[in-house]
Amino acid sequence: MADEPQTHFSSVGPLDGPVLIDGHPGIVPIFDSPTCQGLPIGTAHSMGLVTENHALVQIFRLKIQGQWMKALWVCDRRVFVRLSARKEIF
């Protein structure tokens, strides 16, 4: 598995919260800058759902430059955040 990224960005998803169940397809591109220009450096694969504030939020597994990243991730405001780092998840 690859080293953990510091910050990775998505070109899709809401600007005011996490990607919900009905928000986007199962695979989304990952970029290394918030402008999301150029070629993606990887992909985020939908792995399921968690409940947050009475909504179903997609969780992702990231594949960066051909290597799977550790842990599960949420795409919140177009930024990937470790699921375990989100205090709101219950």
PDB file of N, CA and C in Angstrom:
ATOM      1  N   MET A   1       0.844  -1.190   0.000  1.00  0.00           N
ATOM      2  CA  MET A   1       0.000   0.000   0.000  1.00  0.00           C
ATOM      3  C   MET A   1       0.878   1.238   0.000  1.00  0.00           C
ATOM      4  N   ALA A   2       0.388   2.262  -0.603  1.00  0.00           N
ATOM      5  CA  ALA A   2       1.139   3.512  -0.706  1.00  0.00           C
ATOM      6  C   ALA A   2       1.098   4.269   0.612  1.00  0.00           C
ATOM      7  N   ASP A   3       2.020   5.206   0.749  1.00  0.00           N
ATOM      8  CA  ASP A   3       2.000   6.072   1.928  1.00  0.00           C
ATOM      9  C   ASP A   3       0.716   6.881   1.945  1.00  0.00           C
ATOM     10  N   GLU A   4       0.313   7.314   3.124  1.00  0.00           N
ATOM     11  CA  GLU A   4      -0.915   8.089   3.258  1.00  0.00           C
ATOM     12  C   GLU A   4      -0.749   9.478   2.653  1.00  0.00           C
ATOM     13  N   PRO A   5      -1.748   9.952   1.936  1.00  0.00           N
ATOM     14  CA  PRO A   5      -1.652  11.286   1.342  1.00  0.00           C
ATOM     15  C   PRO A   5      -1.893  12.368   2.388  1.00  0.00           C
ATOM     16  N   GLN A   6      -1.388  13.548   2.129  1.00  0.00           N
ATOM     17  CA  GLN A   6      -1.686  14.666   3.011  1.00  0.00           C
ATOM     18  C   GLN A   6      -3.054  15.226   2.669  1.00  0.00           C
ATOM     19  N   THR A   7      -3.277  15.556   1.418  1.00  0.00           N
ATOM     20  CA  THR A   7      -4.572  16.064   0.994  1.00  0.00           C
ATOM     21  C   THR A   7      -4.805  15.675  -0.463  1.00  0.00           C
ATOM     22  N   HIS A   8      -6.024  15.179  -0.714  1.00  0.00           N
ATOM     23  CA  HIS A   8      -6.419  14.867  -2.080  1.00  0.00           C
ATOM     24  C   HIS A   8      -7.805  15.427  -2.318  1.00  0.00           C
ATOM     25  N   PHE A   9      -8.075  15.775  -3.576  1.00  0.00           N
ATOM     26  CA  PHE A   9      -9.273  16.515  -3.921  1.00  0.00           C
ATOM     27  C   PHE A   9     -10.092  15.797  -4.982  1.00  0.00           C
ATOM     28  N   SER A  10     -11.394  16.118  -5.017  1.00  0.00           N
ATOM     29  CA  SER A  10     -12.310  15.581  -6.008  1.00  0.00           C
ATOM     30  C   SER A  10     -12.858  16.720  -6.858  1.00  0.00           C
ATOM     31  N   SER A  11     -13.103  16.413  -8.114  1.00  0.00           N
ATOM     32  CA  SER A  11     -13.709  17.413  -9.006  1.00  0.00           C
ATOM     33  C   SER A  11     -15.228  17.333  -8.973  1.00  0.00           C
ATOM     34  N   VAL A  12     -15.770  16.386  -8.238  1.00  0.00           N
ATOM     35  CA  VAL A  12     -17.223  16.221  -8.127  1.00  0.00           C
ATOM     36  C   VAL A  12     -17.624  16.181  -6.659  1.00  0.00           C
ATOM     37  N   GLY A  13     -18.859  16.490  -6.413  1.00  0.00           N
ATOM     38  CA  GLY A  13     -19.389  16.461  -5.054  1.00  0.00           C
ATOM     39  C   GLY A  13     -19.823  17.841  -4.616  1.00  0.00           C
ATOM     40  N   PRO A  14     -20.595  17.897  -3.542  1.00  0.00           N
ATOM     41  CA  PRO A  14     -21.083  19.193  -3.065  1.00  0.00           C
ATOM     42  C   PRO A  14     -19.963  20.041  -2.463  1.00  0.00           C
ATOM     43  N   LEU A  15     -20.148  21.336  -2.521  1.00  0.00           N
ATOM     44  CA  LEU A  15     -19.180  22.267  -1.927  1.00  0.00           C
ATOM     45  C   LEU A  15     -19.495  22.555  -0.463  1.00  0.00           C
ATOM     46  N   ASP A  16     -20.632  22.042   0.022  1.00  0.00           N
ATOM     47  CA  ASP A  16     -21.066  22.375   1.386  1.00  0.00           C
ATOM     48  C   ASP A  16     -21.307  21.157   2.262  1.00  0.00           C
ATOM     49  N   GLY A  17     -20.703  20.020   1.931  1.00  0.00           N
ATOM     50  CA  GLY A  17     -20.887  18.839   2.762  1.00  0.00           C
ATOM     51  C   GLY A  17     -20.346  17.596   2.088  1.00  0.00           C
ATOM     52  N   PRO A  18     -20.595  16.425   2.689  1.00  0.00           N
ATOM     53  CA  PRO A  18     -20.066  15.178   2.143  1.00  0.00           C
ATOM     54  C   PRO A  18     -20.878  14.667   0.957  1.00  0.00           C
ATOM     55  N   VAL A  19     -20.272  13.755   0.198  1.00  0.00           N
ATOM     56  CA  VAL A  19     -20.960  13.087  -0.899  1.00  0.00           C
ATOM     57  C   VAL A  19     -21.969  12.120  -0.289  1.00  0.00           C
ATOM     58  N   LEU A  20     -23.219  12.283  -0.663  1.00  0.00           N
ATOM     59  CA  LEU A  20     -24.293  11.446  -0.138  1.00  0.00           C
ATOM     60  C   LEU A  20     -24.550  10.270  -1.064  1.00  0.00           C
ATOM     61  N   ILE A  21     -25.411   9.360  -0.629  1.00  0.00           N
ATOM     62  CA  ILE A  21     -25.718   8.147  -1.381  1.00  0.00           C
ATOM     63  C   ILE A  21     -26.143   8.452  -2.806  1.00  0.00           C
ATOM     64  N   ASP A  22     -26.926   9.488  -2.991  1.00  0.00           N
ATOM     65  CA  ASP A  22     -27.426   9.800  -4.322  1.00  0.00           C
ATOM     66  C   ASP A  22     -26.589  10.865  -5.017  1.00  0.00           C
ATOM     67  N   GLY A  23     -25.414  11.167  -4.458  1.00  0.00           N
ATOM     68  CA  GLY A  23     -24.622  12.273  -4.969  1.00  0.00           C
ATOM     69  C   GLY A  23     -23.860  12.007  -6.241  1.00  0.00           C
ATOM     70  N   HIS A  24     -23.189  10.862  -6.373  1.00  0.00           N
ATOM     71  CA  HIS A  24     -22.279  10.676  -7.490  1.00  0.00           C
ATOM     72  C   HIS A  24     -22.039   9.203  -7.777  1.00  0.00           C
ATOM     73  N   PRO A  25     -21.437   8.918  -8.929  1.00  0.00           N
ATOM     74  CA  PRO A  25     -21.180   7.524  -9.286  1.00  0.00           C
ATOM     75  C   PRO A  25     -20.203   6.850  -8.331  1.00  0.00           C
ATOM     76  N   GLY A  26     -20.052   5.564  -8.479  1.00  0.00           N
ATOM     77  CA  GLY A  26     -19.213   4.781  -7.580  1.00  0.00           C
ATOM     78  C   GLY A  26     -17.730   5.029  -7.681  1.00  0.00           C
ATOM     79  N   ILE A  27     -17.255   5.603  -8.791  1.00  0.00           N
ATOM     80  CA  ILE A  27     -15.822   5.886  -8.947  1.00  0.00           C
ATOM     81  C   ILE A  27     -15.662   7.347  -9.358  1.00  0.00           C
ATOM     82  N   VAL A  28     -14.817   8.079  -8.627  1.00  0.00           N
ATOM     83  CA  VAL A  28     -14.583   9.491  -8.941  1.00  0.00           C
ATOM     84  C   VAL A  28     -13.079   9.747  -9.045  1.00  0.00           C
ATOM     85  N   PRO A  29     -12.672  10.723  -9.860  1.00  0.00           N
ATOM     86  CA  PRO A  29     -11.251  11.030 -10.007  1.00  0.00           C
ATOM     87  C   PRO A  29     -10.700  11.745  -8.778  1.00  0.00           C
ATOM     88  N   ILE A  30      -9.397  11.559  -8.545  1.00  0.00           N
ATOM     89  CA  ILE A  30      -8.690  12.217  -7.440  1.00  0.00           C
ATOM     90  C   ILE A  30      -7.594  13.096  -8.029  1.00  0.00           C
ATOM     91  N   PHE A  31      -7.473  14.304  -7.485  1.00  0.00           N
ATOM     92  CA  PHE A  31      -6.457  15.261  -7.912  1.00  0.00           C
ATOM     93  C   PHE A  31      -5.600  15.671  -6.721  1.00  0.00           C
ATOM     94  N   ASP A  32      -4.397  16.194  -7.001  1.00  0.00           N
ATOM     95  CA  ASP A  32      -3.518  16.614  -5.910  1.00  0.00           C
ATOM     96  C   ASP A  32      -3.587  18.112  -5.618  1.00  0.00           C
ATOM     97  N   SER A  33      -4.516  18.822  -6.282  1.00  0.00           N
ATOM     98  CA  SER A  33      -4.693  20.242  -5.983  1.00  0.00           C
ATOM     99  C   SER A  33      -6.185  20.575  -6.001  1.00  0.00           C
ATOM    100  N   PRO A  34      -6.587  21.614  -5.286  1.00  0.00           N
ATOM    101  CA  PRO A  34      -8.010  21.959  -5.237  1.00  0.00           C
ATOM    102  C   PRO A  34      -8.571  22.466  -6.564  1.00  0.00           C
ATOM    103  N   THR A  35      -7.710  22.852  -7.498  1.00  0.00           N
ATOM    104  CA  THR A  35      -8.202  23.299  -8.801  1.00  0.00           C
ATOM    105  C   THR A  35      -8.645  22.130  -9.682  1.00  0.00           C
ATOM    106  N   CYS A  36      -8.186  20.924  -9.358  1.00  0.00           N
ATOM    107  CA  CYS A  36      -8.548  19.698 -10.090  1.00  0.00           C
ATOM    108  C   CYS A  36      -8.274  19.817 -11.579  1.00  0.00           C
ATOM    109  N   GLN A  37      -7.170  20.454 -11.916  1.00  0.00           N
ATOM    110  CA  GLN A  37      -6.789  20.582 -13.316  1.00  0.00           C
ATOM    111  C   GLN A  37      -5.726  19.549 -13.649  1.00  0.00           C
ATOM    112  N   GLY A  38      -5.622  19.228 -14.916  1.00  0.00           N
ATOM    113  CA  GLY A  38      -4.663  18.226 -15.348  1.00  0.00           C
ATOM    114  C   GLY A  38      -5.236  16.829 -15.197  1.00  0.00           C
ATOM    115  N   LEU A  39      -4.352  15.861 -15.289  1.00  0.00           N
ATOM    116  CA  LEU A  39      -4.786  14.475 -15.185  1.00  0.00           C
ATOM    117  C   LEU A  39      -4.984  14.070 -13.732  1.00  0.00           C
ATOM    118  N   PRO A  40      -5.972  13.219 -13.458  1.00  0.00           N
ATOM    119  CA  PRO A  40      -6.149  12.716 -12.093  1.00  0.00           C
ATOM    120  C   PRO A  40      -4.947  11.875 -11.684  1.00  0.00           C
ATOM    121  N   ILE A  41      -4.653  11.854 -10.395  1.00  0.00           N
ATOM    122  CA  ILE A  41      -3.563  11.026  -9.872  1.00  0.00           C
ATOM    123  C   ILE A  41      -4.075   9.692  -9.361  1.00  0.00           C
ATOM    124  N   GLY A  42      -5.398   9.535  -9.349  1.00  0.00           N
ATOM    125  CA  GLY A  42      -5.973   8.283  -8.885  1.00  0.00           C
ATOM    126  C   GLY A  42      -7.481   8.302  -8.962  1.00  0.00           C
ATOM    127  N   THR A  43      -8.076   7.296  -8.320  1.00  0.00           N
ATOM    128  CA  THR A  43      -9.528   7.171  -8.298  1.00  0.00           C
ATOM    129  C   THR A  43     -10.003   6.814  -6.899  1.00  0.00           C
ATOM    130  N   ALA A  44     -11.220   7.234  -6.607  1.00  0.00           N
ATOM    131  CA  ALA A  44     -11.870   6.887  -5.340  1.00  0.00           C
ATOM    132  C   ALA A  44     -13.017   5.941  -5.672  1.00  0.00           C
ATOM    133  N   HIS A  45     -13.056   4.815  -4.988  1.00  0.00           N
ATOM    134  CA  HIS A  45     -14.045   3.777  -5.258  1.00  0.00           C
ATOM    135  C   HIS A  45     -15.028   3.697  -4.095  1.00  0.00           C
ATOM    136  N   SER A  46     -16.312   3.843  -4.384  1.00  0.00           N
ATOM    137  CA  SER A  46     -17.337   3.770  -3.348  1.00  0.00           C
ATOM    138  C   SER A  46     -17.326   2.382  -2.726  1.00  0.00           C
ATOM    139  N   MET A  47     -17.288   2.334  -1.390  1.00  0.00           N
ATOM    140  CA  MET A  47     -17.204   1.060  -0.679  1.00  0.00           C
ATOM    141  C   MET A  47     -18.404   0.822   0.233  1.00  0.00           C
ATOM    142  N   GLY A  48     -19.314   1.768   0.287  1.00  0.00           N
ATOM    143  CA  GLY A  48     -20.472   1.593   1.154  1.00  0.00           C
ATOM    144  C   GLY A  48     -20.958   2.917   1.689  1.00  0.00           C
ATOM    145  N   LEU A  49     -21.697   2.833   2.786  1.00  0.00           N
ATOM    146  CA  LEU A  49     -22.341   4.018   3.353  1.00  0.00           C
ATOM    147  C   LEU A  49     -22.221   4.029   4.869  1.00  0.00           C
ATOM    148  N   VAL A  50     -22.243   5.226   5.431  1.00  0.00           N
ATOM    149  CA  VAL A  50     -22.364   5.419   6.879  1.00  0.00           C
ATOM    150  C   VAL A  50     -23.456   6.448   7.115  1.00  0.00           C
ATOM    151  N   THR A  51     -24.019   6.437   8.307  1.00  0.00           N
ATOM    152  CA  THR A  51     -25.047   7.409   8.658  1.00  0.00           C
ATOM    153  C   THR A  51     -24.398   8.604   9.340  1.00  0.00           C
ATOM    154  N   GLU A  52     -24.732   9.788   8.864  1.00  0.00           N
ATOM    155  CA  GLU A  52     -24.238  11.027   9.475  1.00  0.00           C
ATOM    156  C   GLU A  52     -25.360  12.045   9.434  1.00  0.00           C
ATOM    157  N   ASN A  53     -25.756  12.539  10.595  1.00  0.00           N
ATOM    158  CA  ASN A  53     -26.814  13.551  10.672  1.00  0.00           C
ATOM    159  C   ASN A  53     -28.050  13.141   9.870  1.00  0.00           C
ATOM    160  N   HIS A  54     -28.456  11.910  10.019  1.00  0.00           N
ATOM    161  CA  HIS A  54     -29.656  11.367   9.382  1.00  0.00           C
ATOM    162  C   HIS A  54     -29.562  11.288   7.863  1.00  0.00           C
ATOM    163  N   ALA A  55     -28.352  11.275   7.327  1.00  0.00           N
ATOM    164  CA  ALA A  55     -28.144  11.124   5.881  1.00  0.00           C
ATOM    165  C   ALA A  55     -27.189   9.962   5.646  1.00  0.00           C
ATOM    166  N   LEU A  56     -27.298   9.343   4.485  1.00  0.00           N
ATOM    167  CA  LEU A  56     -26.372   8.270   4.117  1.00  0.00           C
ATOM    168  C   LEU A  56     -25.226   8.863   3.313  1.00  0.00           C
ATOM    169  N   VAL A  57     -24.017   8.759   3.872  1.00  0.00           N
ATOM    170  CA  VAL A  57     -22.812   9.344   3.291  1.00  0.00           C
ATOM    171  C   VAL A  57     -21.969   8.224   2.683  1.00  0.00           C
ATOM    172  N   GLN A  58     -21.492   8.442   1.446  1.00  0.00           N
ATOM    173  CA  GLN A  58     -20.640   7.451   0.795  1.00  0.00           C
ATOM    174  C   GLN A  58     -19.270   7.417   1.447  1.00  0.00           C
ATOM    175  N   ILE A  59     -18.731   6.212   1.580  1.00  0.00           N
ATOM    176  CA  ILE A  59     -17.341   6.054   2.000  1.00  0.00           C
ATOM    177  C   ILE A  59     -16.570   5.476   0.823  1.00  0.00           C
ATOM    178  N   PHE A  60     -15.294   5.841   0.740  1.00  0.00           N
ATOM    179  CA  PHE A  60     -14.468   5.493  -0.405  1.00  0.00           C
ATOM    180  C   PHE A  60     -13.172   4.834   0.023  1.00  0.00           C
ATOM    181  N   ARG A  61     -12.633   4.066  -0.892  1.00  0.00           N
ATOM    182  CA  ARG A  61     -11.265   3.575  -0.778  1.00  0.00           C
ATOM    183  C   ARG A  61     -10.500   4.243  -1.917  1.00  0.00           C
ATOM    184  N   LEU A  62      -9.333   4.799  -1.601  1.00  0.00           N
ATOM    185  CA  LEU A  62      -8.568   5.558  -2.589  1.00  0.00           C
ATOM    186  C   LEU A  62      -7.463   4.718  -3.215  1.00  0.00           C
ATOM    187  N   LYS A  63      -7.306   4.898  -4.514  1.00  0.00           N
ATOM    188  CA  LYS A  63      -6.208   4.267  -5.249  1.00  0.00           C
ATOM    189  C   LYS A  63      -5.422   5.386  -5.919  1.00  0.00           C
ATOM    190  N   ILE A  64      -4.206   5.613  -5.427  1.00  0.00           N
ATOM    191  CA  ILE A  64      -3.358   6.702  -5.900  1.00  0.00           C
ATOM    192  C   ILE A  64      -2.156   6.101  -6.633  1.00  0.00           C
ATOM    193  N   GLN A  65      -1.969   6.502  -7.874  1.00  0.00           N
ATOM    194  CA  GLN A  65      -0.858   6.030  -8.698  1.00  0.00           C
ATOM    195  C   GLN A  65      -0.716   4.508  -8.623  1.00  0.00           C
ATOM    196  N   GLY A  66      -1.860   3.827  -8.709  1.00  0.00           N
ATOM    197  CA  GLY A  66      -1.870   2.375  -8.744  1.00  0.00           C
ATOM    198  C   GLY A  66      -1.779   1.676  -7.396  1.00  0.00           C
ATOM    199  N   GLN A  67      -1.688   2.429  -6.312  1.00  0.00           N
ATOM    200  CA  GLN A  67      -1.545   1.850  -4.979  1.00  0.00           C
ATOM    201  C   GLN A  67      -2.774   2.168  -4.117  1.00  0.00           C
ATOM    202  N   TRP A  68      -3.318   1.145  -3.450  1.00  0.00           N
ATOM    203  CA  TRP A  68      -4.449   1.368  -2.547  1.00  0.00           C
ATOM    204  C   TRP A  68      -3.973   2.038  -1.277  1.00  0.00           C
ATOM    205  N   MET A  69      -4.696   3.058  -0.840  1.00  0.00           N
ATOM    206  CA  MET A  69      -4.380   3.760   0.399  1.00  0.00           C
ATOM    207  C   MET A  69      -5.009   3.019   1.570  1.00  0.00           C
ATOM    208  N   LYS A  70      -4.435   3.201   2.734  1.00  0.00           N
ATOM    209  CA  LYS A  70      -4.981   2.593   3.943  1.00  0.00           C
ATOM    210  C   LYS A  70      -6.266   3.307   4.335  1.00  0.00           C
ATOM    211  N   ALA A  71      -7.104   2.610   5.032  1.00  0.00           N
ATOM    212  CA  ALA A  71      -8.315   3.171   5.649  1.00  0.00           C
ATOM    213  C   ALA A  71      -9.413   3.466   4.631  1.00  0.00           C
ATOM    214  N   LEU A  72     -10.522   3.956   5.156  1.00  0.00           N
ATOM    215  CA  LEU A  72     -11.662   4.397   4.355  1.00  0.00           C
ATOM    216  C   LEU A  72     -11.757   5.907   4.452  1.00  0.00           C
ATOM    217  N   TRP A  73     -12.353   6.520   3.432  1.00  0.00           N
ATOM    218  CA  TRP A  73     -12.360   7.970   3.309  1.00  0.00           C
ATOM    219  C   TRP A  73     -13.756   8.474   2.996  1.00  0.00           C
ATOM    220  N   VAL A  74     -14.031   9.725   3.379  1.00  0.00           N
ATOM    221  CA  VAL A  74     -15.248  10.450   3.031  1.00  0.00           C
ATOM    222  C   VAL A  74     -14.808  11.638   2.186  1.00  0.00           C
ATOM    223  N   CYS A  75     -15.583  11.961   1.163  1.00  0.00           N
ATOM    224  CA  CYS A  75     -15.302  13.148   0.362  1.00  0.00           C
ATOM    225  C   CYS A  75     -16.201  14.266   0.874  1.00  0.00           C
ATOM    226  N   ASP A  76     -15.634  15.200   1.620  1.00  0.00           N
ATOM    227  CA  ASP A  76     -16.372  16.287   2.245  1.00  0.00           C
ATOM    228  C   ASP A  76     -15.904  17.615   1.673  1.00  0.00           C
ATOM    229  N   ARG A  77     -16.822  18.329   1.040  1.00  0.00           N
ATOM    230  CA  ARG A  77     -16.503  19.611   0.402  1.00  0.00           C
ATOM    231  C   ARG A  77     -15.391  19.442  -0.638  1.00  0.00           C
ATOM    232  N   ARG A  78     -15.449  18.290  -1.329  1.00  0.00           N
ATOM    233  CA  ARG A  78     -14.513  17.931  -2.388  1.00  0.00           C
ATOM    234  C   ARG A  78     -13.090  17.674  -1.901  1.00  0.00           C
ATOM    235  N   VAL A  79     -12.936  17.403  -0.610  1.00  0.00           N
ATOM    236  CA  VAL A  79     -11.650  17.030  -0.029  1.00  0.00           C
ATOM    237  C   VAL A  79     -11.824  15.662   0.629  1.00  0.00           C
ATOM    238  N   PHE A  80     -10.887  14.750   0.368  1.00  0.00           N
ATOM    239  CA  PHE A  80     -10.974  13.433   0.986  1.00  0.00           C
ATOM    240  C   PHE A  80     -10.423  13.487   2.405  1.00  0.00           C
ATOM    241  N   VAL A  81     -11.234  12.985   3.358  1.00  0.00           N
ATOM    242  CA  VAL A  81     -10.906  12.992   4.780  1.00  0.00           C
ATOM    243  C   VAL A  81     -11.047  11.564   5.287  1.00  0.00           C
ATOM    244  N   ARG A  82     -10.089  11.114   6.076  1.00  0.00           N
ATOM    245  CA  ARG A  82     -10.182   9.782   6.660  1.00  0.00           C
ATOM    246  C   ARG A  82     -11.482   9.633   7.435  1.00  0.00           C
ATOM    247  N   LEU A  83     -12.167   8.536   7.240  1.00  0.00           N
ATOM    248  CA  LEU A  83     -13.402   8.269   7.958  1.00  0.00           C
ATOM    249  C   LEU A  83     -13.170   8.314   9.459  1.00  0.00           C
ATOM    250  N   SER A  84     -12.082   7.763   9.931  1.00  0.00           N
ATOM    251  CA  SER A  84     -11.787   7.726  11.364  1.00  0.00           C
ATOM    252  C   SER A  84     -11.505   9.110  11.946  1.00  0.00           C
ATOM    253  N   ALA A  85     -11.194  10.100  11.106  1.00  0.00           N
ATOM    254  CA  ALA A  85     -10.910  11.454  11.571  1.00  0.00           C
ATOM    255  C   ALA A  85     -12.163  12.314  11.695  1.00  0.00           C
ATOM    256  N   ARG A  86     -13.296  11.823  11.201  1.00  0.00           N
ATOM    257  CA  ARG A  86     -14.534  12.605  11.216  1.00  0.00           C
ATOM    258  C   ARG A  86     -15.277  12.365  12.520  1.00  0.00           C
ATOM    259  N   LYS A  87     -15.407  13.382  13.316  1.00  0.00           N
ATOM    260  CA  LYS A  87     -16.069  13.292  14.613  1.00  0.00           C
ATOM    261  C   LYS A  87     -17.575  13.176  14.484  1.00  0.00           C
ATOM    262  N   GLU A  88     -18.140  13.657  13.356  1.00  0.00           N
ATOM    263  CA  GLU A  88     -19.594  13.664  13.201  1.00  0.00           C
ATOM    264  C   GLU A  88     -20.165  12.286  12.940  1.00  0.00           C
ATOM    265  N   ILE A  89     -19.353  11.366  12.445  1.00  0.00           N
ATOM    266  CA  ILE A  89     -19.853  10.036  12.093  1.00  0.00           C
ATOM    267  C   ILE A  89     -20.222   9.293  13.371  1.00  0.00           C
ATOM    268  N   PHE A  90     -21.393   8.663  13.359  1.00  0.00           N
ATOM    269  CA  PHE A  90     -21.787   7.847  14.512  1.00  0.00           C
ATOM    270  C   PHE A  90     -22.468   6.588  14.054  1.00  0.00           C
TER     271      PHE A  90
END
